[in-house]
Amino acid sequence: MNISNKLGKFIFIAIYFALFSSSCNGILPPDPLAAATPTPTPLPIEQPVELLDISQTAPVNLVLWVPPEFGLSLDSDSSRLLNDRIAEFRNVHPNVQIDVRVKAQEGPADLLESIAAAQDAAPLSLPDLVLLPTEDMQTAAIRKYIQPIGEFIPPDYTEDKYGIALELGAFQNEIYGMTFAMDALVMAYHPEIIETPPSTWTQAMEIPGVLAFPAANSRSLFTLALYLAQTESIIDENNKISLDAEILESVYTFYENGQENNLFPFWLTQYETESLSWQAFLDGRASMAITTASTYLKYVGEINASPIPTEDGAPFTLTSGWVFSLIATDPDKVNSSIELANFLTDSVFSGTWTESAGYLPPRPSALTEWNNDPPRALANLILSSAGEIPSASTLNLLGEKLMQGTINVLKQEQTANEATLDILDNFTN
């Protein structure tokens, strides 16, 4: 594919977030991405100017950094598929040499800190392309580690993409990433216990057994998903957290009623991580569990999964992902980096690789490559109605407060109304 060698003007994306409600506000730092919207607006792409065939350019040495789970040396089918795909790119573009390096995703030498250290001490050691979690992409954009790519990507980039895949790569009215893979919240259940999974809160109350989730997790993603399924955002036009009292109380009332009905027993408040609540599900202490699609896909054939139950039964979930972001500024490296990212997000390869790796693809057409019908149908359903997990700064301000309200309600230390008022007072004061 041909890529532009001329740097044109930046492209601006119109992403509008507005939520008006009877609420209390908490001021956010200027950086967070607005919270999830069920139907994100597709991103317009500017027609590139005169194109350049990278196969005709001088030799290019390209460095790609990836998190450990995407390393090429792993003993897995997905790792071998990725290796083969990169080798195929080398064959098509023999002038491009690709050096793939694995960087930790957490700790003192994680991706972001490694980029920061290289910029300060050894700029020549910086990668040209980096595969970042979406939360890290936002931080990298704020720190100007990465550059917008709207002017470099193909004009048909928005075609055959889930809206959420486009949203994950966007930040502050710019495109900073090409989505490679995604993950999302789902509800797993034991098919020998539950024949038809609940889609509404009312139906969930009628199901025997426990719906496990990490009630003591400070990110409070399940609570946020239940809330955002009923509204468009938790961020208003002034970039402040804005909570609707009625909606928040309805979520806590669901927990309150579930506690009385043993759908949400108090012992869920012991679980700080998804792995703990998932183990309770595997051990048979719960008939249902909130988990990620990537976790469920490891157990296909043993368990089933469905969208999380919502107040009105309309499918909704929260989604995260990994995106290819650009660091290179040299025109030849920019061209080669974008070409490689586009090559690795091709529909056929994306479908084959995501099914093998246990992630969700950015393209609807990629699901035609999946061989297992139930996961394929579930993936299409949730990705068609998904929103983005709120930004790290939003979660830092709000997540722990929502968690404390959840714990208090499940332990019967507060009513749903009291927990709601406490959170709203917290932001008011």
Foldseek 3Di string as FASTA:
>chain_A
DWWDLDDDDAAFWDWDDADDAPFFWFAFPPQWDFWWFQATDQGAFDAADDTDDLLPDAAEEAEEEEEPLQALPDPFPLSVLVVVLVVVVCVVRVSYHYHYHYFHCDDCGHPVNVLVVCVVPPVVPHGFKYKAWLLVLSVCVVVVQFDFCRNTAHRCLRPQFQSQQQVSQDTPRTGFFRFQFKKWKWKWFFCVQDVDDAQALVVLLVGPWAAAEQLQALLQQVLVFQLCVVDGTQAHPSRIGTDHLVSQLVSLQSLLSCCVSVRQALVSPVGHDQVVRVVCCVVPNGRMYIDMQLVVLVQPPRIAIAADHYNVSQGEIAMIGITMGGNDDNSSSSNVSSVVRCSSLDLCSSLVSCSRSRTAHRGLSNLVNDDDPRSSVRSVRHSNRYIYRIHPSVSVVQRNLSSVLSSCSNVVVDGSSRSSVVSSVVSND
